Amino acid sequence: MVARKGKKAVKMVKFQVTKSGIAGIGVVCFCVFLWMFLLGVWAGQSLLFPPVSGDQLAPVVQDSGGGKQVLDVIRIEAEKKKVKS
């Protein structure tokens, strides 16, 4: 009779981490997630509210006569061009 060959033992990988190591990993993960959150908020703000170009807003400083200066913002709107038919 032929003897059966046993299955080869599978090598298991084992990680041993101390409590301070787990705390360090937690701090690093928290910092990465905080950075990604702030980066996402910044990207979302720039997509939702694109920056206003200098051509659209023209601040004008006026003297109100009472010793205070008032800053008025004038919005310049684009006019529709008439199409010749």
C-alpha atoms as a PDB file:
ATOM      1  CA  MET A   1       0.000   0.000   0.000  1.00  0.00           C
ATOM      2  CA  VAL A   2       1.002   3.523  -0.679  1.00  0.00           C
ATOM      3  CA  ALA A   3       1.163   5.844   2.283  1.00  0.00           C
ATOM      4  CA  ARG A   4      -0.941   8.963   2.003  1.00  0.00           C
ATOM      5  CA  LYS A   5       0.885  12.226   1.918  1.00  0.00           C
ATOM      6  CA  GLY A   6      -0.422  14.749   4.406  1.00  0.00           C
ATOM      7  CA  LYS A   7      -1.336  18.262   3.381  1.00  0.00           C
ATOM      8  CA  LYS A   8       1.408  20.807   3.712  1.00  0.00           C
ATOM      9  CA  ALA A   9       1.061  23.087   6.668  1.00  0.00           C
ATOM     10  CA  VAL A  10      -0.061  26.558   5.619  1.00  0.00           C
ATOM     11  CA  LYS A  11       2.077  29.296   7.072  1.00  0.00           C
ATOM     12  CA  MET A  12      -0.029  31.876   8.854  1.00  0.00           C
ATOM     13  CA  VAL A  13       1.019  35.491   9.071  1.00  0.00           C
ATOM     14  CA  LYS A  14       0.627  36.946  12.543  1.00  0.00           C
ATOM     15  CA  PHE A  15       0.781  40.622  13.482  1.00  0.00           C
ATOM     16  CA  GLN A  16       1.430  41.593  17.055  1.00  0.00           C
ATOM     17  CA  VAL A  17       0.738  45.219  17.921  1.00  0.00           C
ATOM     18  CA  THR A  18       0.967  46.808  21.341  1.00  0.00           C
ATOM     19  CA  LYS A  19      -1.666  49.143  22.757  1.00  0.00           C
ATOM     20  CA  SER A  20       0.494  52.155  21.971  1.00  0.00           C
ATOM     21  CA  GLY A  21       0.878  50.882  18.398  1.00  0.00           C
ATOM     22  CA  ILE A  22      -2.894  50.618  18.034  1.00  0.00           C
ATOM     23  CA  ALA A  23      -3.241  54.152  19.427  1.00  0.00           C
ATOM     24  CA  GLY A  24      -0.645  55.424  16.932  1.00  0.00           C
ATOM     25  CA  ILE A  25      -2.438  53.769  14.032  1.00  0.00           C
ATOM     26  CA  GLY A  26      -5.692  55.345  15.256  1.00  0.00           C
ATOM     27  CA  VAL A  27      -4.115  58.811  15.395  1.00  0.00           C
ATOM     28  CA  VAL A  28      -2.674  58.446  11.898  1.00  0.00           C
ATOM     29  CA  CYS A  29      -6.035  57.255  10.521  1.00  0.00           C
ATOM     30  CA  PHE A  30      -7.818  60.165  12.234  1.00  0.00           C
ATOM     31  CA  CYS A  31      -5.379  62.666  10.689  1.00  0.00           C
ATOM     32  CA  VAL A  32      -5.759  61.140   7.226  1.00  0.00           C
ATOM     33  CA  PHE A  33      -9.561  61.176   7.446  1.00  0.00           C
ATOM     34  CA  LEU A  34      -9.554  64.759   8.758  1.00  0.00           C
ATOM     35  CA  TRP A  35      -7.294  65.845   5.898  1.00  0.00           C
ATOM     36  CA  MET A  36      -9.543  64.141   3.343  1.00  0.00           C
ATOM     37  CA  PHE A  37     -12.626  65.759   4.895  1.00  0.00           C
ATOM     38  CA  LEU A  38     -11.087  69.233   4.754  1.00  0.00           C
ATOM     39  CA  LEU A  39      -9.879  68.635   1.200  1.00  0.00           C
ATOM     40  CA  GLY A  40     -13.386  67.513   0.221  1.00  0.00           C
ATOM     41  CA  VAL A  41     -14.991  70.581   1.799  1.00  0.00           C
ATOM     42  CA  TRP A  42     -12.542  72.850  -0.026  1.00  0.00           C
ATOM     43  CA  ALA A  43     -13.168  71.110  -3.355  1.00  0.00           C
ATOM     44  CA  GLY A  44     -16.925  71.207  -2.820  1.00  0.00           C
ATOM     45  CA  GLN A  45     -16.884  74.914  -2.015  1.00  0.00           C
ATOM     46  CA  SER A  46     -14.848  75.686  -5.108  1.00  0.00           C
ATOM     47  CA  LEU A  47     -17.238  73.658  -7.283  1.00  0.00           C
ATOM     48  CA  LEU A  48     -20.442  75.081  -5.795  1.00  0.00           C
ATOM     49  CA  PHE A  49     -19.269  78.678  -5.557  1.00  0.00           C
ATOM     50  CA  PRO A  50     -16.748  79.417  -8.318  1.00  0.00           C
ATOM     51  CA  PRO A  51     -14.529  82.437  -7.692  1.00  0.00           C
ATOM     52  CA  VAL A  52     -15.859  85.764  -8.910  1.00  0.00           C
ATOM     53  CA  SER A  53     -13.676  87.375 -11.534  1.00  0.00           C
ATOM     54  CA  GLY A  54     -12.587  90.990 -11.174  1.00  0.00           C
ATOM     55  CA  ASP A  55     -14.624  92.033 -14.237  1.00  0.00           C
ATOM     56  CA  GLN A  56     -17.968  91.322 -12.604  1.00  0.00           C
ATOM     57  CA  LEU A  57     -17.522  93.165  -9.331  1.00  0.00           C
ATOM     58  CA  ALA A  58     -16.144  96.677  -9.130  1.00  0.00           C
ATOM     59  CA  PRO A  59     -15.927  98.098  -5.601  1.00  0.00           C
ATOM     60  CA  VAL A  60     -16.439 101.834  -5.375  1.00  0.00           C
ATOM     61  CA  VAL A  61     -15.566 103.798  -2.247  1.00  0.00           C
ATOM     62  CA  GLN A  62     -17.869 106.744  -1.596  1.00  0.00           C
ATOM     63  CA  ASP A  63     -17.650 109.427   1.045  1.00  0.00           C
ATOM     64  CA  SER A  64     -20.940 109.677   2.932  1.00  0.00           C
ATOM     65  CA  GLY A  65     -19.998 113.061   4.402  1.00  0.00           C
ATOM     66  CA  GLY A  66     -20.111 111.871   7.995  1.00  0.00           C
ATOM     67  CA  GLY A  67     -16.466 110.875   8.205  1.00  0.00           C
ATOM     68  CA  LYS A  68     -17.235 107.280   7.266  1.00  0.00           C
ATOM     69  CA  GLN A  69     -16.481 105.616   3.997  1.00  0.00           C
ATOM     70  CA  VAL A  70     -19.090 103.335   2.513  1.00  0.00           C
ATOM     71  CA  LEU A  71     -18.041 100.532   0.175  1.00  0.00           C
ATOM     72  CA  ASP A  72     -20.632  99.938  -2.524  1.00  0.00           C
ATOM     73  CA  VAL A  73     -20.380  96.955  -4.825  1.00  0.00           C
ATOM     74  CA  ILE A  74     -21.631  97.415  -8.346  1.00  0.00           C
ATOM     75  CA  ARG A  75     -22.606  94.294 -10.242  1.00  0.00           C
ATOM     76  CA  ILE A  76     -21.928  94.406 -13.948  1.00  0.00           C
ATOM     77  CA  GLU A  77     -24.255  92.096 -15.827  1.00  0.00           C
ATOM     78  CA  ALA A  78     -23.666  90.875 -19.355  1.00  0.00           C
ATOM     79  CA  GLU A  79     -26.121  92.120 -21.926  1.00  0.00           C
ATOM     80  CA  LYS A  80     -27.744  89.824 -24.411  1.00  0.00           C
ATOM     81  CA  LYS A  81     -26.668  90.515 -27.974  1.00  0.00           C
ATOM     82  CA  LYS A  82     -29.427  90.896 -30.502  1.00  0.00           C
ATOM     83  CA  VAL A  83     -29.303  88.304 -33.244  1.00  0.00           C
ATOM     84  CA  LYS A  84     -29.870  89.671 -36.745  1.00  0.00           C
ATOM     85  CA  SER A  85     -32.221  87.518 -38.755  1.00  0.00           C
END
